[in-house]
Protein backbone atom coordinates (compact mmCIF):
# COMPACT_ATOMS: atom_id res chain seq x y z
CA UNK A 1 219.48 230.16 81.48
CA UNK A 2 220.49 226.98 79.86
CA UNK A 3 218.45 224.08 79.94
CA UNK A 4 218.43 221.56 83.09
CA UNK A 5 219.04 217.89 83.53
CA UNK A 6 215.81 216.08 83.44
CA UNK A 7 217.20 212.47 83.44
CA UNK A 8 220.75 210.92 83.44
CA UNK A 9 222.21 207.51 82.49
CA UNK A 10 225.91 206.45 83.33
CA UNK A 11 227.60 205.05 80.52
CA UNK A 12 230.78 203.15 80.22
CA UNK A 13 233.96 205.24 79.85
CA UNK A 14 232.91 207.60 82.25
CA UNK A 15 230.14 209.14 80.24
CA UNK A 16 226.65 210.60 81.07
CA UNK A 17 223.77 210.46 78.72
CA UNK A 18 221.38 213.64 79.46
CA UNK A 19 218.01 214.16 78.63
CA UNK A 20 217.64 218.09 79.38
CA UNK A 21 214.64 220.37 80.25
CA UNK A 22 214.27 221.38 76.46
CA UNK A 23 214.05 218.19 75.14
CA UNK A 24 217.71 217.74 73.62
CA UNK A 25 219.73 214.78 74.35
CA UNK A 26 223.57 215.00 74.85
CA UNK A 27 226.53 212.95 76.09
CA UNK A 28 228.65 214.15 78.52
CA UNK A 29 232.37 212.88 79.12
CA UNK A 30 233.55 212.80 82.58
CA UNK A 31 236.97 211.38 81.99
CA UNK A 32 238.66 214.60 82.41
CA UNK A 33 237.24 215.20 86.04
CA UNK A 34 238.59 211.68 87.15
CA UNK A 35 242.07 213.12 88.64
CA UNK A 36 240.60 216.27 90.77
CA UNK A 37 239.53 216.24 94.14
CA UNK A 38 236.31 214.82 95.19
CA UNK A 39 235.63 213.70 91.58
CA UNK A 40 238.60 210.87 92.11
CA UNK A 41 236.02 208.85 93.71
CA UNK A 42 234.08 208.35 90.23
CA UNK A 43 236.85 206.03 89.12
CA UNK A 44 235.11 203.39 90.69
CA UNK A 45 232.79 202.38 87.89
CA UNK A 46 230.25 200.93 90.42
CA UNK A 47 230.06 204.58 92.23
CA UNK A 48 230.02 206.23 88.91
CA UNK A 49 226.79 204.30 87.79
CA UNK A 50 224.90 205.83 90.76
CA UNK A 51 224.71 209.46 88.91
CA UNK A 52 221.02 210.82 89.09
CA UNK A 53 219.50 213.91 88.17
CA UNK A 54 218.50 216.02 90.96
CA UNK A 55 217.28 219.82 90.84
CA UNK A 56 218.28 220.22 87.07
CA UNK A 57 221.97 218.58 87.52
CA UNK A 58 223.73 215.42 88.20
CA UNK A 59 224.87 214.47 91.56
CA UNK A 60 226.38 211.27 93.31
CA UNK A 61 225.76 210.04 96.72
CA UNK A 62 228.77 211.68 98.38
CA UNK A 63 227.66 215.16 97.07
CA UNK A 64 229.80 215.46 94.09
CA UNK A 65 227.60 217.04 91.24
CA UNK A 66 228.57 219.12 88.09
CA UNK A 67 227.50 222.40 87.06
CA UNK A 68 224.11 222.20 84.86
CA UNK A 69 225.35 224.83 82.29
CA UNK A 70 228.62 222.69 82.21
CA UNK A 71 226.69 219.88 81.40
CA UNK A 72 224.69 221.30 78.72
CA UNK A 73 227.52 223.53 77.12
CA UNK A 74 229.97 220.63 76.87
CA UNK A 75 227.84 217.83 76.06
CA UNK A 76 227.86 216.29 72.45
CA UNK A 77 224.15 216.76 71.38
CA UNK A 78 222.24 213.59 69.91
CA UNK A 79 219.06 213.94 67.85
């Protein structure tokens, strides 16, 4: 199993700064999701900024979430 999200900070440009359970940091770009179904609501930057970590992944108030494996595997890792 891949590491899970411990904390998240929404950044400009629809990016998420993530801290994973193994101590790694990563940046995940959500911009490619903004035209799909329930993720369209994330275009509102105020709403996007409400991202929070819950149960090892990232969620928003209206129940959008992103697979924790996707967040880990597709994020750009930072030291």
